[in-house]
């Protein structure tokens, strides 16, 4: 059974250097990219550094007040996301019974 899949051999709308030839649209791109760029630009104009500082201060205050969602968001933005743990890997114990942190002896 022969499938009509595009071949990786041949030009198929490309010149000898691999560039798209005239008349080949290539990838049309994201049709919403221009609109999103305009909206993002408008948002950047509307928000000041002071606005951002106040939002961050509110987030810190809520995290300190026990809001775990605020604490999680704040820590992930500052420290990066925590990599997933491999729960299948058993914890290593030292001879005195203390746990050994992964990656540390």
PDB file of N, CA and C in Angstrom:
ATOM      1  N   UNK A   1       0.845  -1.175   0.000  1.00  0.00           N
ATOM      2  CA  UNK A   1       0.000   0.000   0.000  1.00  0.00           C
ATOM      3  C   UNK A   1       0.889   1.236   0.000  1.00  0.00           C
ATOM      4  N   UNK A   2       0.749   2.089  -0.997  1.00  0.00           N
ATOM      5  CA  UNK A   2       1.576   3.284  -1.120  1.00  0.00           C
ATOM      6  C   UNK A   2       0.801   4.485  -0.593  1.00  0.00           C
ATOM      7  N   UNK A   3       1.402   5.194   0.341  1.00  0.00           N
ATOM      8  CA  UNK A   3       0.794   6.407   0.878  1.00  0.00           C
ATOM      9  C   UNK A   3       1.285   7.602   0.084  1.00  0.00           C
ATOM     10  N   UNK A   4       0.457   8.572  -0.105  1.00  0.00           N
ATOM     11  CA  UNK A   4       0.842   9.784  -0.828  1.00  0.00           C
ATOM     12  C   UNK A   4       1.382  10.818   0.156  1.00  0.00           C
ATOM     13  N   UNK A   5       2.523  10.504   0.753  1.00  0.00           N
ATOM     14  CA  UNK A   5       3.159  11.421   1.684  1.00  0.00           C
ATOM     15  C   UNK A   5       4.169  12.269   0.939  1.00  0.00           C
ATOM     16  N   UNK A   6       4.396  13.513   1.400  1.00  0.00           N
ATOM     17  CA  UNK A   6       5.392  14.342   0.733  1.00  0.00           C
ATOM     18  C   UNK A   6       6.783  13.746   0.897  1.00  0.00           C
ATOM     19  N   UNK A   7       7.565  13.875  -0.136  1.00  0.00           N
ATOM     20  CA  UNK A   7       8.917  13.336  -0.118  1.00  0.00           C
ATOM     21  C   UNK A   7       9.866  14.339   0.515  1.00  0.00           C
ATOM     22  N   UNK A   8      10.875  13.834   1.183  1.00  0.00           N
ATOM     23  CA  UNK A   8      11.918  14.709   1.714  1.00  0.00           C
ATOM     24  C   UNK A   8      13.004  14.924   0.671  1.00  0.00           C
ATOM     25  N   UNK A   9      12.873  14.271  -0.474  1.00  0.00           N
ATOM     26  CA  UNK A   9      13.837  14.405  -1.558  1.00  0.00           C
ATOM     27  C   UNK A   9      13.207  15.280  -2.633  1.00  0.00           C
ATOM     28  N   UNK A  10      13.939  16.259  -3.140  1.00  0.00           N
ATOM     29  CA  UNK A  10      13.418  17.123  -4.189  1.00  0.00           C
ATOM     30  C   UNK A  10      13.246  18.544  -3.676  1.00  0.00           C
ATOM     31  N   UNK A  11      12.801  19.426  -4.557  1.00  0.00           N
ATOM     32  CA  UNK A  11      12.723  20.839  -4.197  1.00  0.00           C
ATOM     33  C   UNK A  11      11.400  21.212  -3.528  1.00  0.00           C
ATOM     34  N   UNK A  12      10.283  20.807  -4.099  1.00  0.00           N
ATOM     35  CA  UNK A  12       8.961  21.086  -3.530  1.00  0.00           C
ATOM     36  C   UNK A  12       8.819  22.511  -3.014  1.00  0.00           C
ATOM     37  N   UNK A  13       9.070  23.469  -3.888  1.00  0.00           N
ATOM     38  CA  UNK A  13       8.884  24.870  -3.532  1.00  0.00           C
ATOM     39  C   UNK A  13      10.074  25.533  -2.877  1.00  0.00           C
ATOM     40  N   UNK A  14      11.222  24.871  -2.900  1.00  0.00           N
ATOM     41  CA  UNK A  14      12.433  25.433  -2.314  1.00  0.00           C
ATOM     42  C   UNK A  14      13.509  25.535  -3.385  1.00  0.00           C
ATOM     43  N   UNK A  15      14.403  26.514  -3.230  1.00  0.00           N
ATOM     44  CA  UNK A  15      15.519  26.604  -4.161  1.00  0.00           C
ATOM     45  C   UNK A  15      16.650  25.697  -3.679  1.00  0.00           C
ATOM     46  N   UNK A  16      17.790  25.761  -4.369  1.00  0.00           N
ATOM     47  CA  UNK A  16      18.896  24.861  -4.039  1.00  0.00           C
ATOM     48  C   UNK A  16      19.494  25.136  -2.656  1.00  0.00           C
ATOM     49  N   UNK A  17      19.226  26.316  -2.093  1.00  0.00           N
ATOM     50  CA  UNK A  17      19.725  26.644  -0.754  1.00  0.00           C
ATOM     51  C   UNK A  17      18.677  26.375   0.329  1.00  0.00           C
ATOM     52  N   UNK A  18      17.526  25.826  -0.074  1.00  0.00           N
ATOM     53  CA  UNK A  18      16.497  25.475   0.894  1.00  0.00           C
ATOM     54  C   UNK A  18      15.509  26.577   1.203  1.00  0.00           C
ATOM     55  N   UNK A  19      15.648  27.735   0.539  1.00  0.00           N
ATOM     56  CA  UNK A  19      14.735  28.852   0.784  1.00  0.00           C
ATOM     57  C   UNK A  19      13.470  28.666  -0.030  1.00  0.00           C
ATOM     58  N   UNK A  20      12.366  29.249   0.438  1.00  0.00           N
ATOM     59  CA  UNK A  20      11.121  29.182  -0.314  1.00  0.00           C
ATOM     60  C   UNK A  20      11.273  29.950  -1.620  1.00  0.00           C
ATOM     61  N   UNK A  21      10.719  29.402  -2.689  1.00  0.00           N
ATOM     62  CA  UNK A  21      10.764  30.064  -3.987  1.00  0.00           C
ATOM     63  C   UNK A  21       9.553  30.976  -4.140  1.00  0.00           C
ATOM     64  N   UNK A  22       9.603  31.840  -5.159  1.00  0.00           N
ATOM     65  CA  UNK A  22       8.498  32.761  -5.424  1.00  0.00           C
ATOM     66  C   UNK A  22       7.213  31.970  -5.635  1.00  0.00           C
ATOM     67  N   UNK A  23       6.140  32.432  -5.034  1.00  0.00           N
ATOM     68  CA  UNK A  23       4.854  31.762  -5.168  1.00  0.00           C
ATOM     69  C   UNK A  23       4.585  30.741  -4.078  1.00  0.00           C
ATOM     70  N   UNK A  24       5.606  30.336  -3.334  1.00  0.00           N
ATOM     71  CA  UNK A  24       5.417  29.397  -2.236  1.00  0.00           C
ATOM     72  C   UNK A  24       5.203  30.216  -0.969  1.00  0.00           C
ATOM     73  N   UNK A  25       4.034  30.080  -0.378  1.00  0.00           N
ATOM     74  CA  UNK A  25       3.709  30.871   0.811  1.00  0.00           C
ATOM     75  C   UNK A  25       4.482  30.421   2.041  1.00  0.00           C
ATOM     76  N   UNK A  26       5.038  29.219   1.991  1.00  0.00           N
ATOM     77  CA  UNK A  26       5.699  28.709   3.188  1.00  0.00           C
ATOM     78  C   UNK A  26       4.663  28.507   4.271  1.00  0.00           C
ATOM     79  N   UNK A  27       5.053  28.695   5.507  1.00  0.00           N
ATOM     80  CA  UNK A  27       4.087  28.633   6.598  1.00  0.00           C
ATOM     81  C   UNK A  27       3.409  29.985   6.717  1.00  0.00           C
ATOM     82  N   UNK A  28       2.078  30.038   6.692  1.00  0.00           N
ATOM     83  CA  UNK A  28       1.404  31.331   6.769  1.00  0.00           C
ATOM     84  C   UNK A  28       1.556  31.997   8.130  1.00  0.00           C
ATOM     85  N   UNK A  29       2.019  31.276   9.131  1.00  0.00           N
ATOM     86  CA  UNK A  29       2.201  31.866  10.451  1.00  0.00           C
ATOM     87  C   UNK A  29       0.910  31.902  11.237  1.00  0.00           C
ATOM     88  N   UNK A  30       0.959  32.583  12.338  1.00  0.00           N
ATOM     89  CA  UNK A  30      -0.194  32.696  13.220  1.00  0.00           C
ATOM     90  C   UNK A  30      -1.096  33.821  12.716  1.00  0.00           C
ATOM     91  N   UNK A  31      -2.337  33.529  12.356  1.00  0.00           N
ATOM     92  CA  UNK A  31      -3.207  34.576  11.827  1.00  0.00           C
ATOM     93  C   UNK A  31      -3.570  35.638  12.866  1.00  0.00           C
ATOM     94  N   UNK A  32      -3.383  35.349  14.142  1.00  0.00           N
ATOM     95  CA  UNK A  32      -3.747  36.295  15.195  1.00  0.00           C
ATOM     96  C   UNK A  32      -2.544  37.053  15.751  1.00  0.00           C
ATOM     97  N   UNK A  33      -1.359  36.805  15.237  1.00  0.00           N
ATOM     98  CA  UNK A  33      -0.136  37.375  15.812  1.00  0.00           C
ATOM     99  C   UNK A  33      -0.148  38.900  15.813  1.00  0.00           C
ATOM    100  N   UNK A  34      -0.589  39.526  14.746  1.00  0.00           N
ATOM    101  CA  UNK A  34      -0.600  40.995  14.695  1.00  0.00           C
ATOM    102  C   UNK A  34      -1.545  41.577  15.733  1.00  0.00           C
ATOM    103  N   UNK A  35      -2.723  40.967  15.849  1.00  0.00           N
ATOM    104  CA  UNK A  35      -3.703  41.459  16.824  1.00  0.00           C
ATOM    105  C   UNK A  35      -3.164  41.290  18.244  1.00  0.00           C
ATOM    106  N   UNK A  36      -2.576  40.138  18.531  1.00  0.00           N
ATOM    107  CA  UNK A  36      -2.017  39.887  19.862  1.00  0.00           C
ATOM    108  C   UNK A  36      -0.888  40.876  20.149  1.00  0.00           C
ATOM    109  N   UNK A  37      -0.066  41.176  19.165  1.00  0.00           N
ATOM    110  CA  UNK A  37       1.027  42.135  19.345  1.00  0.00           C
ATOM    111  C   UNK A  37       0.477  43.521  19.662  1.00  0.00           C
ATOM    112  N   UNK A  38      -0.593  43.934  18.980  1.00  0.00           N
ATOM    113  CA  UNK A  38      -1.211  45.242  19.265  1.00  0.00           C
ATOM    114  C   UNK A  38      -1.792  45.273  20.676  1.00  0.00           C
ATOM    115  N   UNK A  39      -2.468  44.192  21.073  1.00  0.00           N
ATOM    116  CA  UNK A  39      -3.046  44.131  22.417  1.00  0.00           C
ATOM    117  C   UNK A  39      -1.954  44.144  23.487  1.00  0.00           C
ATOM    118  N   UNK A  40      -0.896  43.397  23.259  1.00  0.00           N
ATOM    119  CA  UNK A  40       0.216  43.363  24.220  1.00  0.00           C
ATOM    120  C   UNK A  40       0.856  44.745  24.336  1.00  0.00           C
ATOM    121  N   UNK A  41       1.012  45.422  23.217  1.00  0.00           N
ATOM    122  CA  UNK A  41       1.585  46.762  23.222  1.00  0.00           C
ATOM    123  C   UNK A  41       0.694  47.728  24.002  1.00  0.00           C
ATOM    124  N   UNK A  42      -0.623  47.626  23.808  1.00  0.00           N
ATOM    125  CA  UNK A  42      -1.560  48.479  24.542  1.00  0.00           C
ATOM    126  C   UNK A  42      -1.483  48.204  26.041  1.00  0.00           C
ATOM    127  N   UNK A  43      -1.361  46.934  26.415  1.00  0.00           N
ATOM    128  CA  UNK A  43      -1.247  46.590  27.836  1.00  0.00           C
ATOM    129  C   UNK A  43       0.031  47.163  28.433  1.00  0.00           C
ATOM    130  N   UNK A  44       1.132  47.075  27.709  1.00  0.00           N
ATOM    131  CA  UNK A  44       2.394  47.607  28.211  1.00  0.00           C
ATOM    132  C   UNK A  44       2.329  49.117  28.398  1.00  0.00           C
ATOM    133  N   UNK A  45       1.613  49.804  27.517  1.00  0.00           N
ATOM    134  CA  UNK A  45       1.456  51.253  27.659  1.00  0.00           C
ATOM    135  C   UNK A  45       0.568  51.601  28.855  1.00  0.00           C
ATOM    136  N   UNK A  46      -0.398  50.737  29.174  1.00  0.00           N
ATOM    137  CA  UNK A  46      -1.370  51.024  30.229  1.00  0.00           C
ATOM    138  C   UNK A  46      -0.856  50.706  31.631  1.00  0.00           C
ATOM    139  N   UNK A  47       0.172  49.881  31.746  1.00  0.00           N
ATOM    140  CA  UNK A  47       0.658  49.447  33.056  1.00  0.00           C
ATOM    141  C   UNK A  47       2.003  50.110  33.338  1.00  0.00           C
ATOM    142  N   UNK A  48       2.090  50.759  34.504  1.00  0.00           N
ATOM    143  CA  UNK A  48       3.340  51.428  34.873  1.00  0.00           C
ATOM    144  C   UNK A  48       4.194  50.520  35.755  1.00  0.00           C
ATOM    145  N   UNK A  49       5.438  50.925  35.965  1.00  0.00           N
ATOM    146  CA  UNK A  49       6.317  50.189  36.873  1.00  0.00           C
ATOM    147  C   UNK A  49       5.726  50.187  38.279  1.00  0.00           C
ATOM    148  N   UNK A  50       5.123  51.307  38.658  1.00  0.00           N
ATOM    149  CA  UNK A  50       4.499  51.407  39.979  1.00  0.00           C
ATOM    150  C   UNK A  50       3.344  50.413  40.103  1.00  0.00           C
ATOM    151  N   UNK A  51       2.542  50.265  39.046  1.00  0.00           N
ATOM    152  CA  UNK A  51       1.443  49.290  39.057  1.00  0.00           C
ATOM    153  C   UNK A  51       1.982  47.881  39.304  1.00  0.00           C
ATOM    154  N   UNK A  52       3.044  47.537  38.602  1.00  0.00           N
ATOM    155  CA  UNK A  52       3.635  46.203  38.741  1.00  0.00           C
ATOM    156  C   UNK A  52       4.184  46.012  40.151  1.00  0.00           C
ATOM    157  N   UNK A  53       4.853  47.043  40.688  1.00  0.00           N
ATOM    158  CA  UNK A  53       5.394  46.956  42.046  1.00  0.00           C
ATOM    159  C   UNK A  53       4.274  46.742  43.060  1.00  0.00           C
ATOM    160  N   UNK A  54       3.150  47.429  42.884  1.00  0.00           N
ATOM    161  CA  UNK A  54       2.025  47.279  43.808  1.00  0.00           C
ATOM    162  C   UNK A  54       1.415  45.880  43.727  1.00  0.00           C
ATOM    163  N   UNK A  55       1.313  45.337  42.525  1.00  0.00           N
ATOM    164  CA  UNK A  55       0.786  43.975  42.365  1.00  0.00           C
ATOM    165  C   UNK A  55       1.709  42.976  43.062  1.00  0.00           C
ATOM    166  N   UNK A  56       3.010  43.150  42.887  1.00  0.00           N
ATOM    167  CA  UNK A  56       3.970  42.245  43.525  1.00  0.00           C
ATOM    168  C   UNK A  56       3.898  42.375  45.042  1.00  0.00           C
ATOM    169  N   UNK A  57       3.799  43.611  45.550  1.00  0.00           N
ATOM    170  CA  UNK A  57       3.688  43.808  46.998  1.00  0.00           C
ATOM    171  C   UNK A  57       2.432  43.135  47.548  1.00  0.00           C
ATOM    172  N   UNK A  58       1.329  43.224  46.816  1.00  0.00           N
ATOM    173  CA  UNK A  58       0.095  42.553  47.230  1.00  0.00           C
ATOM    174  C   UNK A  58       0.289  41.044  47.247  1.00  0.00           C
ATOM    175  N   UNK A  59       0.950  40.522  46.236  1.00  0.00           N
ATOM    176  CA  UNK A  59       1.213  39.082  46.163  1.00  0.00           C
ATOM    177  C   UNK A  59       2.069  38.628  47.347  1.00  0.00           C
ATOM    178  N   UNK A  60       3.105  39.391  47.674  1.00  0.00           N
ATOM    179  CA  UNK A  60       3.972  39.061  48.808  1.00  0.00           C
ATOM    180  C   UNK A  60       3.172  39.107  50.108  1.00  0.00           C
ATOM    181  N   UNK A  61       2.363  40.136  50.289  1.00  0.00           N
ATOM    182  CA  UNK A  61       1.558  40.277  51.507  1.00  0.00           C
ATOM    183  C   UNK A  61       0.594  39.102  51.668  1.00  0.00           C
ATOM    184  N   UNK A  62      -0.058  38.708  50.563  1.00  0.00           N
ATOM    185  CA  UNK A  62      -0.992  37.581  50.626  1.00  0.00           C
ATOM    186  C   UNK A  62      -0.261  36.273  50.909  1.00  0.00           C
ATOM    187  N   UNK A  63       0.918  36.091  50.298  1.00  0.00           N
ATOM    188  CA  UNK A  63       1.700  34.876  50.546  1.00  0.00           C
ATOM    189  C   UNK A  63       2.113  34.805  52.012  1.00  0.00           C
ATOM    190  N   UNK A  64       2.560  35.921  52.566  1.00  0.00           N
ATOM    191  CA  UNK A  64       2.951  35.958  53.978  1.00  0.00           C
ATOM    192  C   UNK A  64       1.759  35.731  54.895  1.00  0.00           C
ATOM    193  N   UNK A  65       0.572  36.101  54.428  1.00  0.00           N
ATOM    194  CA  UNK A  65      -0.642  35.936  55.224  1.00  0.00           C
ATOM    195  C   UNK A  65      -1.213  34.529  55.178  1.00  0.00           C
ATOM    196  N   UNK A  66      -0.558  33.634  54.454  1.00  0.00           N
ATOM    197  CA  UNK A  66      -1.004  32.248  54.431  1.00  0.00           C
ATOM    198  C   UNK A  66      -1.714  31.814  53.165  1.00  0.00           C
ATOM    199  N   UNK A  67      -1.813  32.688  52.186  1.00  0.00           N
ATOM    200  CA  UNK A  67      -2.451  32.324  50.914  1.00  0.00           C
ATOM    201  C   UNK A  67      -1.475  31.425  50.145  1.00  0.00           C
ATOM    202  N   UNK A  68      -1.754  30.128  50.146  1.00  0.00           N
ATOM    203  CA  UNK A  68      -0.814  29.185  49.530  1.00  0.00           C
ATOM    204  C   UNK A  68      -0.724  29.353  48.016  1.00  0.00           C
ATOM    205  N   UNK A  69      -1.820  29.745  47.374  1.00  0.00           N
ATOM    206  CA  UNK A  69      -1.773  29.969  45.924  1.00  0.00           C
ATOM    207  C   UNK A  69      -0.854  31.149  45.609  1.00  0.00           C
ATOM    208  N   UNK A  70      -0.939  32.211  46.422  1.00  0.00           N
ATOM    209  CA  UNK A  70      -0.065  33.371  46.227  1.00  0.00           C
ATOM    210  C   UNK A  70       1.387  32.986  46.492  1.00  0.00           C
ATOM    211  N   UNK A  71       1.618  32.189  47.536  1.00  0.00           N
ATOM    212  CA  UNK A  71       2.981  31.753  47.855  1.00  0.00           C
ATOM    213  C   UNK A  71       3.553  30.906  46.726  1.00  0.00           C
ATOM    214  N   UNK A  72       2.748  29.989  46.203  1.00  0.00           N
ATOM    215  CA  UNK A  72       3.197  29.121  45.108  1.00  0.00           C
ATOM    216  C   UNK A  72       3.547  29.950  43.873  1.00  0.00           C
ATOM    217  N   UNK A  73       2.670  30.886  43.505  1.00  0.00           N
ATOM    218  CA  UNK A  73       2.918  31.739  42.340  1.00  0.00           C
ATOM    219  C   UNK A  73       4.180  32.568  42.537  1.00  0.00           C
ATOM    220  N   UNK A  74       4.314  33.173  43.701  1.00  0.00           N
ATOM    221  CA  UNK A  74       5.473  34.013  43.985  1.00  0.00           C
ATOM    222  C   UNK A  74       6.772  33.210  43.911  1.00  0.00           C
ATOM    223  N   UNK A  75       6.797  32.065  44.581  1.00  0.00           N
ATOM    224  CA  UNK A  75       8.018  31.257  44.593  1.00  0.00           C
ATOM    225  C   UNK A  75       8.355  30.695  43.214  1.00  0.00           C
ATOM    226  N   UNK A  76       7.341  30.284  42.452  1.00  0.00           N
ATOM    227  CA  UNK A  76       7.607  29.772  41.101  1.00  0.00           C
ATOM    228  C   UNK A  76       8.156  30.862  40.195  1.00  0.00           C
ATOM    229  N   UNK A  77       7.666  32.086  40.357  1.00  0.00           N
ATOM    230  CA  UNK A  77       8.148  33.184  39.513  1.00  0.00           C
ATOM    231  C   UNK A  77       9.551  33.631  39.906  1.00  0.00           C
ATOM    232  N   UNK A  78       9.863  33.537  41.196  1.00  0.00           N
ATOM    233  CA  UNK A  78      11.175  33.980  41.663  1.00  0.00           C
ATOM    234  C   UNK A  78      12.223  32.876  41.511  1.00  0.00           C
ATOM    235  N   UNK A  79      11.864  31.646  41.907  1.00  0.00           N
ATOM    236  CA  UNK A  79      12.833  30.552  41.930  1.00  0.00           C
ATOM    237  C   UNK A  79      12.719  29.592  40.757  1.00  0.00           C
ATOM    238  N   UNK A  80      11.629  29.658  40.005  1.00  0.00           N
ATOM    239  CA  UNK A  80      11.383  28.712  38.926  1.00  0.00           C
ATOM    240  C   UNK A  80      10.549  27.552  39.437  1.00  0.00           C
ATOM    241  N   UNK A  81       9.970  26.808  38.522  1.00  0.00           N
ATOM    242  CA  UNK A  81       9.113  25.693  38.912  1.00  0.00           C
ATOM    243  C   UNK A  81       9.938  24.554  39.487  1.00  0.00           C
ATOM    244  N   UNK A  82       9.365  23.877  40.446  1.00  0.00           N
ATOM    245  CA  UNK A  82      10.012  22.724  41.065  1.00  0.00           C
ATOM    246  C   UNK A  82       9.937  21.555  40.091  1.00  0.00           C
ATOM    247  N   UNK A  83      11.071  20.911  39.803  1.00  0.00           N
ATOM    248  CA  UNK A  83      11.015  19.760  38.890  1.00  0.00           C
ATOM    249  C   UNK A  83      10.232  18.619  39.539  1.00  0.00           C
ATOM    250  N   UNK A  84       9.550  17.827  38.739  1.00  0.00           N
ATOM    251  CA  UNK A  84       8.781  16.721  39.310  1.00  0.00           C
ATOM    252  C   UNK A  84       9.710  15.700  39.962  1.00  0.00           C
ATOM    253  N   UNK A  85       9.263  15.165  41.080  1.00  0.00           N
ATOM    254  CA  UNK A  85      10.054  14.161  41.796  1.00  0.00           C
ATOM    255  C   UNK A  85       9.737  12.782  41.248  1.00  0.00           C
ATOM    256  N   UNK A  86      10.747  11.934  41.211  1.00  0.00           N
ATOM    257  CA  UNK A  86      10.544  10.551  40.792  1.00  0.00           C
ATOM    258  C   UNK A  86      10.209   9.754  42.047  1.00  0.00           C
ATOM    259  N   UNK A  87       8.920   9.513  42.268  1.00  0.00           N
ATOM    260  CA  UNK A  87       8.492   8.839  43.494  1.00  0.00           C
ATOM    261  C   UNK A  87       8.836   7.355  43.472  1.00  0.00           C
ATOM    262  N   UNK A  88       9.239   6.840  42.326  1.00  0.00           N
ATOM    263  CA  UNK A  88       9.621   5.428  42.247  1.00  0.00           C
ATOM    264  C   UNK A  88      11.011   5.198  42.819  1.00  0.00           C
ATOM    265  N   UNK A  89      11.805   6.262  42.885  1.00  0.00           N
ATOM    266  CA  UNK A  89      13.176   6.132  43.372  1.00  0.00           C
ATOM    267  C   UNK A  89      13.162   6.097  44.900  1.00  0.00           C
ATOM    268  N   UNK A  90      13.677   5.027  45.523  1.00  0.00           N
ATOM    269  CA  UNK A  90      13.656   4.957  46.986  1.00  0.00           C
ATOM    270  C   UNK A  90      14.624   5.971  47.590  1.00  0.00           C
ATOM    271  N   UNK A  91      14.288   6.468  48.775  1.00  0.00           N
ATOM    272  CA  UNK A  91      15.186   7.376  49.473  1.00  0.00           C
ATOM    273  C   UNK A  91      16.392   6.595  49.965  1.00  0.00           C
ATOM    274  N   UNK A  92      17.541   7.223  49.863  1.00  0.00           N
ATOM    275  CA  UNK A  92      18.750   6.584  50.368  1.00  0.00           C
ATOM    276  C   UNK A  92      18.919   6.988  51.830  1.00  0.00           C
ATOM    277  N   UNK A  93      19.318   6.060  52.656  1.00  0.00           N
ATOM    278  CA  UNK A  93      19.549   6.341  54.064  1.00  0.00           C
ATOM    279  C   UNK A  93      21.017   6.141  54.395  1.00  0.00           C
ATOM    280  N   UNK A  94      21.530   7.039  55.235  1.00  0.00           N
ATOM    281  CA  UNK A  94      22.892   6.858  55.723  1.00  0.00           C
ATOM    282  C   UNK A  94      22.869   5.767  56.783  1.00  0.00           C
ATOM    283  N   UNK A  95      24.033   5.329  57.198  1.00  0.00           N
ATOM    284  CA  UNK A  95      24.101   4.256  58.201  1.00  0.00           C
ATOM    285  C   UNK A  95      23.447   4.653  59.523  1.00  0.00           C
ATOM    286  N   UNK A  96      23.364   5.994  59.811  1.00  0.00           N
ATOM    287  CA  UNK A  96      22.732   6.417  61.062  1.00  0.00           C
ATOM    288  C   UNK A  96      21.229   6.648  60.902  1.00  0.00           C
ATOM    289  N   UNK A  97      20.690   6.335  59.714  1.00  0.00           N
ATOM    290  CA  UNK A  97      19.249   6.452  59.495  1.00  0.00           C
ATOM    291  C   UNK A  97      18.789   7.780  58.935  1.00  0.00           C
ATOM    292  N   UNK A  98      19.694   8.759  58.826  1.00  0.00           N
ATOM    293  CA  UNK A  98      19.319  10.055  58.262  1.00  0.00           C
ATOM    294  C   UNK A  98      19.161   9.945  56.747  1.00  0.00           C
ATOM    295  N   UNK A  99      18.231  10.716  56.199  1.00  0.00           N
ATOM    296  CA  UNK A  99      18.017  10.704  54.748  1.00  0.00           C
ATOM    297  C   UNK A  99      19.141  11.456  54.049  1.00  0.00           C
ATOM    298  N   UNK A 100      19.509  10.971  52.880  1.00  0.00           N
ATOM    299  CA  UNK A 100      20.481  11.655  52.033  1.00  0.00           C
ATOM    300  C   UNK A 100      19.694  12.383  50.955  1.00  0.00           C
ATOM    301  N   UNK A 101      19.923  13.683  50.838  1.00  0.00           N
ATOM    302  CA  UNK A 101      19.246  14.452  49.798  1.00  0.00           C
ATOM    303  C   UNK A 101      19.731  13.982  48.439  1.00  0.00           C
ATOM    304  N   UNK A 102      18.826  13.950  47.486  1.00  0.00           N
ATOM    305  CA  UNK A 102      19.177  13.534  46.134  1.00  0.00           C
ATOM    306  C   UNK A 102      20.264  14.437  45.577  1.00  0.00           C
ATOM    307  N   UNK A 103      21.306  13.847  45.067  1.00  0.00           N
ATOM    308  CA  UNK A 103      22.385  14.620  44.457  1.00  0.00           C
ATOM    309  C   UNK A 103      23.462  15.045  45.445  1.00  0.00           C
ATOM    310  N   UNK A 104      23.260  14.789  46.733  1.00  0.00           N
ATOM    311  CA  UNK A 104      24.242  15.170  47.745  1.00  0.00           C
ATOM    312  C   UNK A 104      24.662  13.931  48.521  1.00  0.00           C
ATOM    313  N   UNK A 105      25.908  13.878  48.871  1.00  0.00           N
ATOM    314  CA  UNK A 105      26.403  12.730  49.640  1.00  0.00           C
ATOM    315  C   UNK A 105      26.438  13.052  51.115  1.00  0.00           C
TER     316      UNK A 105
END
